[in-house]
Amino acid sequence: MSPRIHGGTDALGAARWDFSSNANACGPCPLVLEQVHAADATHYPDPGYWHLREHLARLHEVDPGRILIAGSASEFIQRFTAWRFREGARRVWMPEHCYGDYAHAAQAWGLPRVSQPSAADMAWLCDPGSPLGQNESPAMASSLLDLPWMAVVLDAAYAPLRLVGEPALSAGDRHRCWQMWSPNKALGMTGIRGAYVIAPLQADDTALRSLEALAPSWPVGAHAQAMLQAWTLDEVQDWVTDSRERLVQWKDRLVQLLEQRGWRVLPSVTPYLCARPPQPLDVGGLREASIKLRDATSFGLSGWWRLSAQPPDALAALEAALDRMPAREVLS
């Protein structure tokens, strides 16, 4: 099995200036943090999460029966892949550059990754995606959804952090997918694991029961339940909306900082982006300065780095660290 590589905390701990995570740098959301601290950890949650499902269904204007609770997006990726394998799926399609857990789950079940959508039995979409922070291809999404045997998961982890533009998939197409939501990123609280899924309109009861049966009992604890419950509040949704205004400003400053130093910066619709420095980075020197970037090699982007928009003090630290770096061989 290939190793799983992530941004954020590593063996050295959490970097003070962490550009490697896609979490909302305006977080944590104060109201959600308050609700999490007030959570009753002395009792089991309701194993059916009925109250939580009702609130999530109201937020998305869907039937509560379409809501599945997941331990995290990564947990559901593993669970969904296992279910599809049991149902006879033998090949998987995913975007060229995407979250590594899609491929890791496929590898765990011996499912080869194919480049032609029509050759696959299941597919992953992420809109907007990571690491590039760009929209999915509407044409590719339509071609996948038009295959009658295809099961498509739409990872909506970064949908609340879209800074510009509209979703690549129409509302109708989104309801033809298994929509996977992990709001801890938008809330700046990635240390709390918890997610939920909206089943497609055409999903039958057998599929829903099968996916429920593959889940552990109490997939989320009291604190994750509190986070997901708070996510449905109007005040929290307003906080996320307001945070995007600051993220736009911080991202603009990040792009300016990098381009002034000769980095090639790819466009994105999110607070994070991929950029290529004009020369190899002194990664050890950056880490010693408590600065962490996300090496994009594992995404198939050797020489590129993923960076997220951060507050002015973090940008100042990055600027100082880059300017201290000795000149090296320029990358072609």
Protein backbone atom coordinates (compact mmCIF):
# COMPACT_ATOMS: atom_id res chain seq x y z
CA MET A 1 0.00 0.00 0.00
CA SER A 2 1.22 3.49 -0.80
CA PRO A 3 1.61 5.80 2.21
CA ARG A 4 -1.12 8.31 2.95
CA ILE A 5 0.21 11.87 2.89
CA HIS A 6 -1.69 14.79 4.34
CA GLY A 7 -1.19 18.42 5.21
CA GLY A 8 -1.44 19.73 8.75
CA THR A 9 0.15 18.30 11.87
CA ASP A 10 3.13 15.97 11.39
CA ALA A 11 5.63 14.16 13.60
CA LEU A 12 7.06 17.53 14.65
CA GLY A 13 3.64 18.72 15.79
CA ALA A 14 1.51 21.53 14.45
CA ALA A 15 3.41 24.24 12.57
CA ARG A 16 2.76 27.73 13.90
CA TRP A 17 2.35 29.04 10.35
CA ASP A 18 0.55 26.20 8.59
CA PHE A 19 -0.08 26.79 4.89
CA SER A 20 -0.37 23.02 4.25
CA SER A 21 -3.95 22.49 5.40
CA ASN A 22 -7.08 23.50 3.49
CA ALA A 23 -8.91 24.39 6.71
CA ASN A 24 -10.52 27.81 6.88
CA ALA A 25 -7.80 30.03 8.38
CA CYS A 26 -10.47 32.30 9.89
CA GLY A 27 -11.47 29.49 12.21
CA PRO A 28 -12.33 28.00 14.47
CA CYS A 29 -15.88 29.30 14.25
CA PRO A 30 -16.53 30.72 17.76
CA LEU A 31 -20.15 29.56 18.04
CA VAL A 32 -19.34 26.02 16.92
CA LEU A 33 -16.39 25.86 19.30
CA GLU A 34 -18.72 26.92 22.10
CA GLN A 35 -21.20 24.18 21.18
CA VAL A 36 -18.44 21.57 21.05
CA HIS A 37 -17.15 22.57 24.49
CA ALA A 38 -20.70 22.26 25.85
CA ALA A 39 -21.25 18.78 24.38
CA ASP A 40 -22.26 16.06 26.85
CA ALA A 41 -19.43 13.54 26.66
CA THR A 42 -20.80 11.44 29.53
CA HIS A 43 -23.45 9.68 27.41
CA TYR A 44 -23.59 7.85 24.12
CA PRO A 45 -25.13 9.85 21.29
CA ASP A 46 -28.43 8.62 19.89
CA PRO A 47 -27.23 5.73 17.68
CA GLY A 48 -29.69 6.72 14.97
CA TYR A 49 -28.80 10.44 15.09
CA TRP A 50 -32.43 11.18 14.28
CA HIS A 51 -32.47 14.75 15.59
CA LEU A 52 -29.21 15.55 13.78
CA ARG A 53 -30.46 14.01 10.53
CA GLU A 54 -33.59 16.14 10.64
CA HIS A 55 -31.59 19.34 11.03
CA LEU A 56 -29.14 18.43 8.27
CA ALA A 57 -32.05 17.51 6.00
CA ARG A 58 -33.68 20.88 6.71
CA LEU A 59 -30.43 22.67 5.86
CA HIS A 60 -30.25 20.97 2.47
CA GLU A 61 -34.02 20.77 1.89
CA VAL A 62 -34.03 17.00 1.45
CA ASP A 63 -35.81 14.08 3.09
CA PRO A 64 -34.13 12.99 6.37
CA GLY A 65 -34.08 9.43 5.05
CA ARG A 66 -31.43 10.50 2.55
CA ILE A 67 -28.95 11.54 5.27
CA LEU A 68 -26.15 9.18 6.31
CA ILE A 69 -23.79 10.05 9.18
CA ALA A 70 -20.08 9.30 8.66
CA GLY A 71 -17.08 9.26 10.98
CA SER A 72 -15.30 11.50 8.48
CA ALA A 73 -15.06 11.91 4.73
CA SER A 74 -12.15 9.46 4.78
CA GLU A 75 -14.23 6.92 6.69
CA PHE A 76 -17.04 7.16 4.14
CA ILE A 77 -14.58 6.85 1.26
CA GLN A 78 -13.46 3.51 2.67
CA ARG A 79 -17.03 2.43 3.44
CA PHE A 80 -18.42 3.38 0.04
CA THR A 81 -15.59 1.62 -1.78
CA ALA A 82 -16.15 -1.53 0.28
CA TRP A 83 -19.88 -1.43 -0.50
CA ARG A 84 -19.31 -0.94 -4.21
CA PHE A 85 -16.81 -3.81 -4.28
CA ARG A 86 -19.38 -6.04 -2.59
CA GLU A 87 -21.90 -4.96 -5.21
CA GLY A 88 -19.57 -6.03 -8.02
CA ALA A 89 -17.59 -2.88 -8.84
CA ARG A 90 -14.13 -3.70 -10.16
CA ARG A 91 -12.80 -0.40 -11.60
CA VAL A 92 -12.79 3.18 -10.38
CA TRP A 93 -12.41 6.58 -12.04
CA MET A 94 -11.19 9.73 -10.31
CA PRO A 95 -9.75 13.09 -11.43
CA GLU A 96 -6.11 13.12 -12.45
CA HIS A 97 -5.14 15.22 -9.42
CA CYS A 98 -7.29 14.54 -6.37
CA TYR A 99 -7.46 13.58 -2.71
CA GLY A 100 -5.26 10.55 -2.14
CA ASP A 101 -7.77 8.62 -0.03
CA TYR A 102 -9.88 7.86 -3.13
CA ALA A 103 -6.98 5.92 -4.64
CA HIS A 104 -5.94 4.45 -1.31
CA ALA A 105 -9.39 2.94 -0.74
CA ALA A 106 -9.45 1.55 -4.28
CA GLN A 107 -6.00 0.05 -3.77
CA ALA A 108 -7.10 -1.54 -0.50
CA TRP A 109 -9.86 -3.39 -2.36
CA GLY A 110 -7.80 -4.18 -5.44
CA LEU A 111 -9.75 -1.84 -7.71
CA PRO A 112 -7.63 -0.49 -10.58
CA ARG A 113 -7.92 3.17 -11.48
CA VAL A 114 -9.00 3.70 -15.07
CA SER A 115 -8.73 6.76 -17.29
CA GLN A 116 -11.87 6.12 -19.33
CA PRO A 117 -15.10 6.80 -17.38
CA SER A 118 -17.05 4.22 -19.36
CA ALA A 119 -14.68 1.50 -18.11
CA ALA A 120 -15.42 2.26 -14.43
CA ASP A 121 -18.12 1.08 -12.04
CA MET A 122 -17.75 3.94 -9.56
CA ALA A 123 -16.32 7.45 -9.68
CA TRP A 124 -15.20 10.30 -7.45
CA LEU A 125 -15.75 13.98 -8.13
CA CYS A 126 -14.76 16.94 -5.95
CA ASP A 127 -16.11 20.39 -6.70
CA PRO A 128 -14.09 22.46 -6.20
CA GLY A 129 -11.27 19.96 -6.08
CA SER A 130 -8.02 19.61 -4.22
CA PRO A 131 -5.12 20.24 -4.65
CA LEU A 132 -5.82 22.64 -7.53
CA GLY A 133 -8.88 24.37 -6.11
CA GLN A 134 -10.54 24.36 -9.51
CA ASN A 135 -13.98 23.35 -10.74
CA GLU A 136 -14.70 19.87 -11.98
CA SER A 137 -15.38 19.52 -15.68
CA PRO A 138 -19.15 19.75 -16.25
CA ALA A 139 -18.78 17.61 -19.37
CA MET A 140 -16.94 14.89 -17.46
CA ALA A 141 -19.51 14.97 -14.66
CA SER A 142 -22.36 14.63 -17.15
CA SER A 143 -20.67 11.76 -18.95
CA LEU A 144 -20.26 9.88 -15.67
CA LEU A 145 -23.82 10.51 -14.51
CA ASP A 146 -25.25 9.42 -17.85
CA LEU A 147 -23.82 5.90 -17.39
CA PRO A 148 -26.71 3.88 -15.89
CA TRP A 149 -24.44 1.54 -13.89
CA MET A 150 -22.23 4.26 -12.45
CA ALA A 151 -22.16 5.23 -8.76
CA VAL A 152 -20.75 8.75 -8.38
CA VAL A 153 -19.67 10.40 -5.14
CA LEU A 154 -19.43 14.19 -5.14
CA ASP A 155 -17.01 15.36 -2.46
CA ALA A 156 -18.39 18.72 -1.29
CA ALA A 157 -15.74 19.38 1.36
CA TYR A 158 -14.71 22.67 -0.25
CA ALA A 159 -18.06 23.81 -1.60
CA PRO A 160 -18.58 26.18 1.39
CA LEU A 161 -15.13 27.69 0.71
CA ARG A 162 -15.75 28.58 -2.93
CA LEU A 163 -14.67 32.20 -3.28
CA VAL A 164 -15.86 32.90 -6.82
CA GLY A 165 -18.11 31.39 -9.44
CA GLU A 166 -20.79 28.75 -9.35
CA PRO A 167 -20.66 24.96 -8.85
CA ALA A 168 -19.71 22.95 -11.92
CA LEU A 169 -22.64 20.58 -11.42
CA SER A 170 -26.23 21.76 -11.62
CA ALA A 171 -28.52 21.23 -8.64
CA GLY A 172 -30.18 18.39 -10.55
CA ASP A 173 -26.87 16.67 -11.22
CA ARG A 174 -25.78 17.06 -7.60
CA HIS A 175 -28.87 15.16 -6.53
CA ARG A 176 -27.85 12.30 -8.83
CA CYS A 177 -24.63 11.90 -6.79
CA TRP A 178 -23.81 10.72 -3.30
CA GLN A 179 -22.97 14.14 -1.83
CA MET A 180 -20.29 13.91 0.87
CA TRP A 181 -20.03 16.89 3.25
CA SER A 182 -17.28 17.43 5.83
CA PRO A 183 -17.87 20.91 7.31
CA ASN A 184 -14.91 20.78 9.71
CA LYS A 185 -12.76 22.32 6.95
CA ALA A 186 -15.08 25.29 6.42
CA LEU A 187 -15.31 25.75 10.18
CA GLY A 188 -11.55 25.63 10.72
CA MET A 189 -11.93 22.63 13.06
CA THR A 190 -10.28 19.72 11.26
CA GLY A 191 -9.29 18.14 14.58
CA ILE A 192 -12.93 17.09 15.00
CA ARG A 193 -13.82 14.24 12.68
CA GLY A 194 -17.39 14.09 11.47
CA ALA A 195 -19.21 14.15 8.14
CA TYR A 196 -22.50 13.31 6.48
CA VAL A 197 -23.75 12.15 3.11
CA ILE A 198 -26.85 13.00 1.11
CA ALA A 199 -27.96 9.98 -0.90
CA PRO A 200 -29.02 10.44 -4.54
CA LEU A 201 -32.71 10.82 -5.26
CA GLN A 202 -32.64 7.49 -7.10
CA ALA A 203 -30.95 5.57 -4.27
CA ASP A 204 -33.09 2.69 -3.05
CA ASP A 205 -33.62 1.54 0.52
CA THR A 206 -31.40 -1.49 0.00
CA ALA A 207 -28.39 0.69 -0.81
CA LEU A 208 -29.03 2.93 2.19
CA ARG A 209 -29.44 -0.02 4.55
CA SER A 210 -26.27 -1.62 3.21
CA LEU A 211 -24.21 1.52 3.75
CA GLU A 212 -25.67 1.90 7.25
CA ALA A 213 -24.81 -1.72 8.03
CA LEU A 214 -21.19 -1.18 7.02
CA ALA A 215 -20.83 1.75 9.43
CA PRO A 216 -19.60 1.28 12.99
CA SER A 217 -22.00 1.95 15.83
CA TRP A 218 -21.93 5.63 16.79
CA PRO A 219 -19.77 6.75 13.83
CA VAL A 220 -19.44 10.19 15.46
CA GLY A 221 -19.13 11.02 19.14
CA ALA A 222 -20.71 13.81 21.14
CA HIS A 223 -18.25 16.49 20.01
CA ALA A 224 -18.55 15.75 16.31
CA GLN A 225 -22.32 15.55 16.70
CA ALA A 226 -22.28 19.01 18.28
CA MET A 227 -20.17 20.35 15.43
CA LEU A 228 -22.52 18.94 12.78
CA GLN A 229 -25.57 20.17 14.69
CA ALA A 230 -24.12 23.67 14.95
CA TRP A 231 -23.31 23.60 11.23
CA THR A 232 -27.04 23.80 10.53
CA LEU A 233 -27.48 27.11 12.40
CA ASP A 234 -28.07 30.29 10.39
CA GLU A 235 -25.51 32.15 12.51
CA VAL A 236 -22.82 29.60 11.62
CA GLN A 237 -23.63 29.72 7.92
CA ASP A 238 -23.41 33.52 8.12
CA TRP A 239 -19.98 33.23 9.80
CA VAL A 240 -18.72 31.05 6.93
CA THR A 241 -20.07 33.54 4.40
CA ASP A 242 -18.36 36.45 6.19
CA SER A 243 -15.09 34.50 6.46
CA ARG A 244 -14.90 34.18 2.69
CA GLU A 245 -14.49 37.95 2.39
CA ARG A 246 -11.35 37.83 4.53
CA LEU A 247 -10.07 34.76 2.73
CA VAL A 248 -10.30 36.58 -0.61
CA GLN A 249 -8.07 39.35 0.76
CA TRP A 250 -5.57 36.92 2.33
CA LYS A 251 -5.41 34.86 -0.85
CA ASP A 252 -4.76 37.94 -2.98
CA ARG A 253 -1.85 38.87 -0.71
CA LEU A 254 -0.49 35.32 -0.86
CA VAL A 255 -0.59 35.31 -4.67
CA GLN A 256 1.12 38.70 -4.78
CA LEU A 257 3.83 37.54 -2.35
CA LEU A 258 4.58 34.41 -4.40
CA GLU A 259 4.47 36.04 -7.83
CA GLN A 260 6.80 38.81 -6.71
CA ARG A 261 9.34 36.08 -5.88
CA GLY A 262 9.03 34.34 -9.23
CA TRP A 263 6.59 31.60 -8.32
CA ARG A 264 4.20 30.32 -10.96
CA VAL A 265 0.73 30.39 -9.40
CA LEU A 266 -2.18 28.43 -10.85
CA PRO A 267 -5.66 29.97 -10.69
CA SER A 268 -8.17 28.58 -8.21
CA VAL A 269 -11.68 29.37 -6.94
CA THR A 270 -10.77 28.45 -3.34
CA PRO A 271 -8.60 29.89 -0.54
CA TYR A 272 -5.90 27.36 -1.47
CA LEU A 273 -3.87 27.06 -4.65
CA CYS A 274 -0.92 25.30 -6.23
CA ALA A 275 2.28 27.17 -6.99
CA ARG A 276 5.74 26.28 -8.29
CA PRO A 277 8.80 28.11 -6.91
CA PRO A 278 11.55 29.26 -9.26
CA GLN A 279 14.06 27.13 -7.34
CA PRO A 280 13.92 24.15 -4.95
CA LEU A 281 12.75 25.05 -1.46
CA ASP A 282 14.73 24.61 1.72
CA VAL A 283 11.99 22.53 3.33
CA GLY A 284 13.99 21.93 6.48
CA GLY A 285 14.64 25.63 6.89
CA LEU A 286 10.95 26.41 6.50
CA ARG A 287 9.99 23.77 9.05
CA GLU A 288 12.58 25.10 11.50
CA ALA A 289 10.84 28.45 11.14
CA SER A 290 7.58 26.64 12.02
CA ILE A 291 6.27 27.10 8.47
CA LYS A 292 4.73 24.20 6.59
CA LEU A 293 3.64 23.96 2.95
CA ARG A 294 2.04 20.94 1.27
CA ASP A 295 4.32 19.17 -1.18
CA ALA A 296 2.07 18.32 -4.15
CA THR A 297 4.23 15.44 -5.42
CA SER A 298 1.79 12.85 -4.07
CA PHE A 299 -0.92 14.50 -6.18
CA GLY A 300 1.20 13.91 -9.29
CA LEU A 301 2.53 17.48 -9.30
CA SER A 302 6.24 17.16 -8.67
CA GLY A 303 7.91 20.50 -7.99
CA TRP A 304 4.61 22.13 -7.02
CA TRP A 305 3.31 23.11 -3.59
CA ARG A 306 -0.20 23.63 -2.28
CA LEU A 307 -0.64 26.66 -0.05
CA SER A 308 -3.70 28.03 1.72
CA ALA A 309 -4.60 31.64 2.42
CA GLN A 310 -3.46 32.66 5.90
CA PRO A 311 -3.66 35.76 8.13
CA PRO A 312 -1.18 38.65 7.72
CA ASP A 313 1.17 37.48 10.49
CA ALA A 314 1.56 34.09 8.80
CA LEU A 315 2.19 35.76 5.45
CA ALA A 316 4.83 37.97 7.03
CA ALA A 317 6.57 34.89 8.45
CA LEU A 318 6.50 33.16 5.06
CA GLU A 319 7.80 36.27 3.31
CA ALA A 320 10.72 36.58 5.73
CA ALA A 321 11.58 32.88 5.46
CA LEU A 322 11.54 32.88 1.65
CA ASP A 323 13.70 35.98 1.51
CA ARG A 324 16.27 34.34 3.80
CA MET A 325 16.63 31.31 1.53
CA PRO A 326 19.89 31.05 -0.41
CA ALA A 327 19.70 31.04 -4.19
CA ARG A 328 19.65 27.58 -5.76
CA GLU A 329 19.45 26.06 -9.19
CA VAL A 330 16.47 27.52 -11.01
CA LEU A 331 13.72 25.03 -11.84
CA SER A 332 13.04 24.56 -15.53
